[in-house]
Amino acid sequence: MADNGATLSRRALNRALLERQMLIKRTKIPALDVMEHLIGLQAQAPNPPYIGLWARVEDFRQDELSGLIESRQAVRIALMRSTIHLTSARDALSLRPVVQPALERGLKGNYGKHLAGIDEADLAAEARTLVEKRPMTFRELGGLLAEDERWRNREPDTLAAAVRTLLPLVQIPPRGLWGESGQSVHTTAEAWLGSPAIPAISPETMIERYLAAFGPASAKDMQTWSGLTRLGEVVKRIRPRLRIYYDEQGRELFDVLDAPLPDPDMPIPPRYMAEFDNALLSHADRSRIISEEDRKRVFTINGIIRPTFLIDGFVAGMWRIDRKRDAAILTIEPFRPLRPEDRAGLYEEGDNLLRFAAAECGSREIRIADESTSSDGLR
């Protein structure tokens, strides 16, 4: 444990993040507990949360997460940064009220002039009646609302976007199940989860949970992760029970007491990261895990965060799995030349990734850049 007030190097922050993200050594705790520690997994697409848990949980299997979704212990809902997260049911209900101001600010910024004059309470009430009677897509919901004389001159997409903010809507299965397809169909969290009496957590508790999973971090990092503003006021209230550090630029960093700070020089095995992994998204200064140059390659202009791999704890390239009939090919695109030992580690971990993500394929192969090598024993 570093002394209070110490300066933490980029590598020290990297090791702290990876330890708390369970990316140094896989954990044996259940997937639901991992999801709660991580405060959910970003989940614009159905499969990335499965890859994210596979990277963190020893012997993780897809049916564990699919079972949590089907049994309503885990749900897909708009939370931090107004993006879809896969969280425990408890977190969906307790976190949504805390981040609601950020969702409303985003709605006003994107649709404010198109919503002028609308009675939001009436719109939310009507939408709740519709989706609790029959879960539906946003297209269906917006179309039905636009047929009502109160909103007949409004765009259906605008109405649906407003409802997404005004109501805590969850996406129901088969959306989010491994190997299943289907549109995003929505109902309210209360209807889907049976309206359990779970109070909202305080902003202070949410920030302490963030630090336990992503810290040490600045107030600006907290705001980047949550989408909320004025978190400096929240930090000020809990400052007496936090540890204080500084980064190499002199910025103040906060941390919960007794959180791990591993040796900055400890070896880190190669790790494959899912699309949209929150470890890459949850700080204003992301240099603790990805350089600015590499960020521009990974973060696309249309909001896609490509799947990456880590070498020595930092993003060093991207990967993808292509399928053709009964074959799956893992293609690895390094950003820089790989050392022989890193290449070997990527092959070994790549075998495990293919066994997880493409178990049904009779032929599985790994390629690095323009080099092609078949995975041992997988043909």
Protein backbone atom coordinates (compact mmCIF):
# COMPACT_ATOMS: atom_id res chain seq x y z
CA MET A 1 0.00 0.00 0.00
CA ALA A 2 1.42 3.36 -1.04
CA ASP A 3 1.52 6.17 1.50
CA ASN A 4 -1.34 8.66 1.53
CA GLY A 5 -0.33 11.57 -0.72
CA ALA A 6 2.10 9.49 -2.78
CA THR A 7 2.51 9.96 -6.53
CA LEU A 8 1.39 6.92 -8.50
CA SER A 9 3.03 6.13 -11.83
CA ARG A 10 1.12 5.15 -14.93
CA ARG A 11 2.19 1.54 -14.38
CA ALA A 12 1.01 1.65 -10.76
CA LEU A 13 -2.39 2.88 -11.90
CA ASN A 14 -2.43 0.19 -14.59
CA ARG A 15 -1.78 -2.60 -12.11
CA ALA A 16 -4.36 -1.22 -9.69
CA LEU A 17 -7.00 -1.11 -12.43
CA LEU A 18 -6.24 -4.63 -13.68
CA GLU A 19 -6.30 -6.07 -10.17
CA ARG A 20 -9.66 -4.52 -9.39
CA GLN A 21 -11.01 -5.51 -12.79
CA MET A 22 -9.96 -9.14 -12.18
CA LEU A 23 -7.74 -9.08 -15.26
CA ILE A 24 -4.47 -10.18 -13.64
CA LYS A 25 -5.79 -13.50 -12.40
CA ARG A 26 -9.23 -14.93 -13.03
CA THR A 27 -11.51 -15.08 -10.03
CA LYS A 28 -13.57 -18.03 -8.79
CA ILE A 29 -16.48 -15.98 -7.47
CA PRO A 30 -19.89 -16.28 -9.20
CA ALA A 31 -20.59 -14.19 -12.29
CA LEU A 32 -23.40 -12.26 -10.58
CA ASP A 33 -21.03 -11.13 -7.82
CA VAL A 34 -18.44 -10.13 -10.43
CA MET A 35 -21.05 -8.05 -12.27
CA GLU A 36 -21.94 -6.25 -9.05
CA HIS A 37 -18.29 -5.58 -8.22
CA LEU A 38 -17.78 -4.15 -11.73
CA ILE A 39 -21.06 -2.17 -11.44
CA GLY A 40 -22.30 -3.84 -14.59
CA LEU A 41 -20.87 -4.54 -18.02
CA GLN A 42 -21.46 -2.23 -20.97
CA ALA A 43 -23.70 -4.14 -23.34
CA GLN A 44 -24.74 -2.39 -26.55
CA ALA A 45 -24.31 -5.77 -28.27
CA PRO A 46 -25.43 -9.08 -26.72
CA ASN A 47 -22.14 -11.02 -26.69
CA PRO A 48 -19.49 -8.66 -25.24
CA PRO A 49 -20.59 -9.19 -21.60
CA TYR A 50 -19.99 -12.92 -22.03
CA ILE A 51 -16.45 -12.28 -23.33
CA GLY A 52 -15.90 -9.79 -20.52
CA LEU A 53 -16.86 -12.34 -17.88
CA TRP A 54 -14.86 -15.10 -19.60
CA ALA A 55 -11.77 -12.88 -19.31
CA ARG A 56 -12.35 -12.45 -15.58
CA VAL A 57 -14.01 -15.61 -14.21
CA GLU A 58 -12.34 -19.00 -14.03
CA ASP A 59 -14.26 -21.71 -15.92
CA PHE A 60 -17.02 -19.27 -16.87
CA ARG A 61 -19.65 -20.72 -19.20
CA GLN A 62 -22.26 -18.92 -21.26
CA ASP A 63 -25.20 -20.67 -19.65
CA GLU A 64 -24.34 -19.11 -16.26
CA LEU A 65 -25.03 -15.61 -17.58
CA SER A 66 -27.91 -16.67 -19.83
CA GLY A 67 -29.47 -18.30 -16.79
CA LEU A 68 -29.16 -15.09 -14.78
CA ILE A 69 -30.90 -13.15 -17.55
CA GLU A 70 -33.69 -15.71 -17.98
CA SER A 71 -34.27 -15.91 -14.22
CA ARG A 72 -34.41 -12.09 -14.04
CA GLN A 73 -31.43 -11.81 -11.72
CA ALA A 74 -29.62 -9.77 -14.39
CA VAL A 75 -31.08 -7.22 -16.79
CA ARG A 76 -30.09 -4.95 -19.69
CA ILE A 77 -30.91 -1.32 -18.95
CA ALA A 78 -29.66 2.21 -19.75
CA LEU A 79 -27.47 3.41 -16.88
CA MET A 80 -24.07 5.12 -16.79
CA ARG A 81 -23.38 7.46 -19.74
CA SER A 82 -26.95 6.63 -20.89
CA THR A 83 -25.60 3.40 -22.40
CA ILE A 84 -27.01 -0.11 -22.09
CA HIS A 85 -25.41 -2.03 -19.23
CA LEU A 86 -25.95 -5.60 -18.13
CA THR A 87 -26.29 -5.45 -14.36
CA SER A 88 -27.75 -7.37 -11.49
CA ALA A 89 -31.43 -6.69 -10.91
CA ARG A 90 -30.51 -5.07 -7.60
CA ASP A 91 -28.12 -2.64 -9.27
CA ALA A 92 -30.56 -1.84 -12.07
CA LEU A 93 -33.13 -0.69 -9.54
CA SER A 94 -30.78 1.08 -7.13
CA LEU A 95 -28.46 2.79 -9.65
CA ARG A 96 -31.03 4.10 -12.14
CA PRO A 97 -32.35 6.88 -9.86
CA VAL A 98 -28.79 8.08 -9.18
CA VAL A 99 -27.85 8.43 -12.88
CA GLN A 100 -31.29 9.71 -13.91
CA PRO A 101 -30.12 13.37 -14.02
CA ALA A 102 -27.45 12.47 -16.57
CA LEU A 103 -30.01 10.67 -18.75
CA GLU A 104 -32.34 13.68 -18.60
CA ARG A 105 -29.51 16.08 -19.48
CA GLY A 106 -28.64 13.95 -22.50
CA LEU A 107 -32.27 13.86 -23.62
CA LYS A 108 -32.58 17.64 -23.42
CA GLY A 109 -29.33 18.09 -25.32
CA ASN A 110 -30.37 15.79 -28.16
CA TYR A 111 -34.14 16.26 -28.34
CA GLY A 112 -35.00 19.29 -26.21
CA LYS A 113 -36.47 21.46 -28.95
CA HIS A 114 -38.42 18.50 -30.39
CA LEU A 115 -40.02 17.81 -27.00
CA ALA A 116 -41.05 21.39 -26.24
CA GLY A 117 -44.58 21.56 -24.91
CA ILE A 118 -44.92 17.86 -24.17
CA ASP A 119 -46.29 16.87 -20.78
CA GLU A 120 -43.63 14.33 -19.85
CA ALA A 121 -45.71 12.83 -17.03
CA ASP A 122 -48.54 12.08 -19.45
CA LEU A 123 -46.14 10.60 -22.00
CA ALA A 124 -44.47 8.40 -19.39
CA ALA A 125 -47.80 7.20 -18.01
CA GLU A 126 -49.15 6.25 -21.43
CA ALA A 127 -45.89 4.52 -22.40
CA ARG A 128 -45.86 2.58 -19.14
CA THR A 129 -49.36 1.29 -19.82
CA LEU A 130 -48.35 0.20 -23.32
CA VAL A 131 -45.11 -1.64 -22.52
CA GLU A 132 -46.46 -3.27 -19.36
CA LYS A 133 -49.43 -4.58 -21.31
CA ARG A 134 -47.15 -5.92 -24.08
CA PRO A 135 -43.36 -5.54 -24.28
CA MET A 136 -42.38 -3.88 -27.55
CA THR A 137 -39.57 -2.42 -29.61
CA PHE A 138 -38.88 1.31 -29.61
CA ARG A 139 -40.17 1.48 -33.16
CA GLU A 140 -43.49 -0.05 -32.12
CA LEU A 141 -43.71 2.11 -29.03
CA GLY A 142 -42.92 5.35 -30.83
CA GLY A 143 -45.41 4.52 -33.56
CA LEU A 144 -48.23 3.84 -31.12
CA LEU A 145 -47.53 7.00 -29.13
CA ALA A 146 -47.50 9.07 -32.34
CA GLU A 147 -51.03 7.83 -33.10
CA ASP A 148 -52.30 9.48 -29.90
CA GLU A 149 -53.81 12.90 -30.61
CA ARG A 150 -51.66 14.42 -27.87
CA TRP A 151 -48.45 13.65 -29.80
CA ARG A 152 -49.66 13.22 -33.38
CA ASN A 153 -47.33 15.91 -34.69
CA ARG A 154 -44.24 14.44 -32.97
CA GLU A 155 -41.63 12.13 -34.48
CA PRO A 156 -41.99 8.52 -33.23
CA ASP A 157 -38.22 8.22 -32.68
CA THR A 158 -38.26 11.33 -30.49
CA LEU A 159 -41.12 9.97 -28.40
CA ALA A 160 -39.37 6.62 -27.93
CA ALA A 161 -36.13 8.36 -26.91
CA ALA A 162 -38.02 10.39 -24.34
CA VAL A 163 -39.66 7.30 -22.87
CA ARG A 164 -36.27 5.54 -22.64
CA THR A 165 -35.19 8.38 -20.37
CA LEU A 166 -38.40 8.89 -18.44
CA LEU A 167 -38.94 5.20 -17.62
CA PRO A 168 -36.46 2.52 -16.47
CA LEU A 169 -36.96 0.20 -19.44
CA VAL A 170 -35.26 -3.21 -19.59
CA GLN A 171 -34.61 -5.37 -22.64
CA ILE A 172 -36.15 -8.78 -22.17
CA PRO A 173 -34.96 -12.20 -23.43
CA PRO A 174 -34.13 -13.58 -25.90
CA ARG A 175 -32.17 -10.33 -26.32
CA GLY A 176 -28.91 -10.80 -24.47
CA LEU A 177 -28.87 -14.61 -24.49
CA TRP A 178 -25.79 -16.28 -25.97
CA GLY A 179 -26.50 -17.77 -29.38
CA GLU A 180 -29.98 -16.26 -29.60
CA SER A 181 -31.12 -13.49 -31.90
CA GLY A 182 -33.92 -11.02 -31.66
CA GLN A 183 -34.81 -7.36 -31.54
CA SER A 184 -34.57 -5.24 -28.41
CA VAL A 185 -38.00 -5.56 -26.81
CA HIS A 186 -38.75 -3.47 -23.73
CA THR A 187 -40.89 -3.33 -20.65
CA THR A 188 -40.44 -1.49 -17.36
CA ALA A 189 -38.01 -2.74 -14.76
CA GLU A 190 -40.83 -2.77 -12.22
CA ALA A 191 -43.02 -5.01 -14.39
CA TRP A 192 -40.19 -7.37 -15.31
CA LEU A 193 -38.71 -7.64 -11.81
CA GLY A 194 -41.92 -7.59 -9.83
CA SER A 195 -41.46 -4.14 -8.26
CA PRO A 196 -39.16 -5.22 -5.40
CA ALA A 197 -38.63 -2.58 -2.72
CA ILE A 198 -34.97 -1.73 -3.36
CA PRO A 199 -34.04 1.85 -2.44
CA ALA A 200 -31.71 3.95 -4.54
CA ILE A 201 -28.12 4.02 -3.34
CA SER A 202 -26.56 7.36 -2.50
CA PRO A 203 -24.17 9.09 -4.91
CA GLU A 204 -21.50 8.69 -2.22
CA THR A 205 -21.95 4.90 -2.15
CA MET A 206 -21.93 4.74 -5.94
CA ILE A 207 -18.63 6.64 -6.11
CA GLU A 208 -17.03 4.43 -3.47
CA ARG A 209 -18.08 1.38 -5.46
CA TYR A 210 -16.60 2.96 -8.59
CA LEU A 211 -13.28 3.52 -6.83
CA ALA A 212 -13.22 -0.09 -5.60
CA ALA A 213 -13.56 -1.28 -9.20
CA PHE A 214 -11.73 1.44 -11.17
CA GLY A 215 -9.65 3.51 -8.74
CA PRO A 216 -7.60 5.37 -7.80
CA ALA A 217 -9.36 8.04 -9.83
CA SER A 218 -9.98 11.77 -10.13
CA ALA A 219 -13.32 13.51 -9.85
CA LYS A 220 -13.17 14.00 -13.63
CA ASP A 221 -12.70 10.22 -14.06
CA MET A 222 -15.79 9.62 -11.94
CA GLN A 223 -17.78 12.01 -14.11
CA THR A 224 -16.58 10.33 -17.30
CA TRP A 225 -17.67 6.92 -16.01
CA SER A 226 -21.06 7.95 -14.64
CA GLY A 227 -22.09 10.78 -16.96
CA LEU A 228 -22.94 12.86 -13.87
CA THR A 229 -21.63 16.36 -13.19
CA ARG A 230 -20.60 18.20 -10.01
CA LEU A 231 -19.19 15.07 -8.43
CA GLY A 232 -16.53 17.20 -6.74
CA GLU A 233 -19.23 18.04 -4.20
CA VAL A 234 -19.86 14.34 -3.56
CA VAL A 235 -16.14 13.66 -3.21
CA LYS A 236 -15.83 16.52 -0.74
CA ARG A 237 -18.42 14.88 1.52
CA ILE A 238 -16.63 11.51 1.58
CA ARG A 239 -13.07 12.86 1.42
CA PRO A 240 -12.36 12.13 5.13
CA ARG A 241 -12.80 8.40 4.48
CA LEU A 242 -10.77 8.27 1.26
CA ARG A 243 -7.06 7.91 0.55
CA ILE A 244 -5.51 10.68 -1.52
CA TYR A 245 -2.85 10.15 -4.21
CA TYR A 246 -1.51 12.08 -7.20
CA ASP A 247 -0.73 11.03 -10.73
CA GLU A 248 2.44 11.98 -12.57
CA GLN A 249 0.78 15.18 -13.84
CA GLY A 250 -0.04 16.24 -10.29
CA ARG A 251 -3.77 15.53 -10.51
CA GLU A 252 -5.48 14.53 -7.28
CA LEU A 253 -6.69 10.94 -7.17
CA PHE A 254 -9.07 9.38 -4.65
CA ASP A 255 -9.32 5.82 -3.43
CA VAL A 256 -11.18 3.69 -0.94
CA LEU A 257 -9.25 2.50 2.09
CA ASP A 258 -7.30 -0.76 1.83
CA ALA A 259 -7.89 -1.14 -1.92
CA PRO A 260 -5.10 -3.13 -3.62
CA LEU A 261 -2.12 -1.37 -5.20
CA PRO A 262 -0.04 -4.18 -6.72
CA ASP A 263 3.64 -3.96 -7.58
CA PRO A 264 3.90 -1.84 -10.76
CA ASP A 265 6.47 -4.28 -12.16
CA MET A 266 4.45 -7.45 -11.58
CA PRO A 267 4.13 -9.55 -14.76
CA ILE A 268 0.73 -9.52 -16.48
CA PRO A 269 -0.40 -12.31 -18.82
CA PRO A 270 -1.94 -11.45 -22.21
CA ARG A 271 -5.65 -10.77 -21.97
CA TYR A 272 -8.34 -10.52 -24.64
CA MET A 273 -10.83 -7.73 -23.94
CA ALA A 274 -14.41 -7.56 -25.19
CA GLU A 275 -15.95 -4.81 -27.27
CA PHE A 276 -17.04 -1.86 -25.11
CA ASP A 277 -15.11 -3.12 -22.09
CA ASN A 278 -15.55 -0.61 -19.27
CA ALA A 279 -11.91 -0.95 -18.26
CA LEU A 280 -11.14 1.15 -21.37
CA LEU A 281 -14.06 3.56 -21.01
CA SER A 282 -14.27 4.63 -17.39
CA HIS A 283 -11.61 7.33 -16.98
CA ALA A 284 -11.13 10.78 -18.43
CA ASP A 285 -7.41 9.96 -18.66
CA ARG A 286 -7.29 6.49 -20.20
CA SER A 287 -3.49 6.35 -20.45
CA ARG A 288 -3.41 3.88 -17.55
CA ILE A 289 -4.51 1.21 -20.03
CA ILE A 290 -4.43 2.62 -23.58
CA SER A 291 -2.33 5.28 -25.27
CA GLU A 292 -3.97 8.17 -27.09
CA GLU A 293 -2.56 6.92 -30.38
CA ASP A 294 -4.07 3.47 -29.87
CA ARG A 295 -7.34 4.90 -28.56
CA LYS A 296 -7.90 6.53 -31.95
CA ARG A 297 -7.63 3.09 -33.58
CA VAL A 298 -9.92 1.34 -31.11
CA PHE A 299 -12.64 4.00 -30.57
CA THR A 300 -14.53 4.60 -33.82
CA ILE A 301 -16.36 7.78 -34.79
CA ASN A 302 -19.72 5.97 -34.69
CA GLY A 303 -19.30 4.86 -31.07
CA ILE A 304 -17.99 1.32 -31.55
CA ILE A 305 -15.22 0.26 -29.15
CA ARG A 306 -13.40 -2.57 -30.87
CA PRO A 307 -12.24 -5.73 -29.05
CA THR A 308 -8.62 -5.44 -27.94
CA PHE A 309 -5.87 -7.43 -26.28
CA LEU A 310 -3.46 -6.44 -23.52
CA ILE A 311 0.28 -7.06 -23.46
CA ASP A 312 2.01 -6.16 -20.18
CA GLY A 313 -1.31 -4.73 -19.06
CA PHE A 314 -1.73 -2.18 -21.87
CA VAL A 315 -3.74 -2.31 -25.09
CA ALA A 316 -1.40 -3.61 -27.80
CA GLY A 317 -3.77 -4.51 -30.62
CA MET A 318 -7.21 -5.65 -31.72
CA TRP A 319 -8.82 -8.99 -32.51
CA ARG A 320 -11.88 -10.43 -34.19
CA ILE A 321 -13.44 -13.83 -34.81
CA ASP A 322 -14.70 -14.57 -38.34
CA ARG A 323 -16.92 -17.57 -39.07
CA LYS A 324 -17.33 -19.51 -42.29
CA ARG A 325 -19.64 -22.49 -42.10
CA ASP A 326 -17.98 -24.84 -39.60
CA ALA A 327 -14.78 -22.80 -39.22
CA ALA A 328 -13.82 -19.97 -36.84
CA ILE A 329 -10.74 -17.81 -37.38
CA LEU A 330 -9.33 -15.59 -34.63
CA THR A 331 -7.41 -12.77 -36.31
CA ILE A 332 -5.01 -10.78 -34.13
CA GLU A 333 -3.88 -7.33 -35.29
CA PRO A 334 -0.90 -6.12 -33.22
CA PHE A 335 -0.16 -2.40 -33.15
CA ARG A 336 3.56 -3.12 -32.68
CA PRO A 337 5.90 -6.09 -33.16
CA LEU A 338 5.34 -8.84 -30.60
CA ARG A 339 8.02 -10.51 -28.54
CA PRO A 340 8.14 -14.31 -28.94
CA GLU A 341 6.83 -14.85 -25.41
CA ASP A 342 3.91 -12.47 -26.00
CA ARG A 343 3.09 -14.19 -29.27
CA ALA A 344 3.07 -17.54 -27.47
CA GLY A 345 0.82 -16.14 -24.72
CA LEU A 346 -1.64 -14.79 -27.28
CA TYR A 347 -1.81 -18.18 -28.98
CA GLU A 348 -2.44 -19.97 -25.70
CA GLU A 349 -5.10 -17.53 -24.54
CA GLY A 350 -6.49 -17.37 -28.08
CA ASP A 351 -7.05 -21.13 -28.01
CA ASN A 352 -9.08 -20.65 -24.84
CA LEU A 353 -11.06 -17.80 -26.40
CA LEU A 354 -11.94 -19.89 -29.45
CA ARG A 355 -12.94 -22.85 -27.31
CA PHE A 356 -15.27 -20.50 -25.43
CA ALA A 357 -16.68 -18.38 -28.24
CA ALA A 358 -16.71 -20.93 -31.08
CA ALA A 359 -16.99 -24.29 -29.36
CA GLU A 360 -19.47 -25.52 -31.98
CA CYS A 361 -17.00 -25.03 -34.85
CA GLY A 362 -15.14 -28.08 -36.07
CA SER A 363 -12.21 -26.00 -37.36
CA ARG A 364 -10.64 -23.24 -35.29
CA GLU A 365 -7.61 -21.22 -36.34
CA ILE A 366 -5.50 -18.31 -35.08
CA ARG A 367 -3.83 -15.77 -37.35
CA ILE A 368 -1.52 -12.94 -36.34
CA ALA A 369 -1.53 -10.13 -38.90
CA ASP A 370 -0.79 -11.76 -42.29
CA GLU A 371 0.71 -14.84 -40.65
CA SER A 372 -1.55 -17.91 -40.37
CA THR A 373 -1.06 -20.67 -37.85
CA SER A 374 -3.57 -23.35 -36.92
CA SER A 375 -4.34 -23.77 -33.22
CA ASP A 376 -2.75 -26.92 -31.90
CA GLY A 377 -5.19 -29.73 -31.43
CA LEU A 378 -8.23 -27.70 -32.55
CA ARG A 379 -8.69 -28.92 -36.08
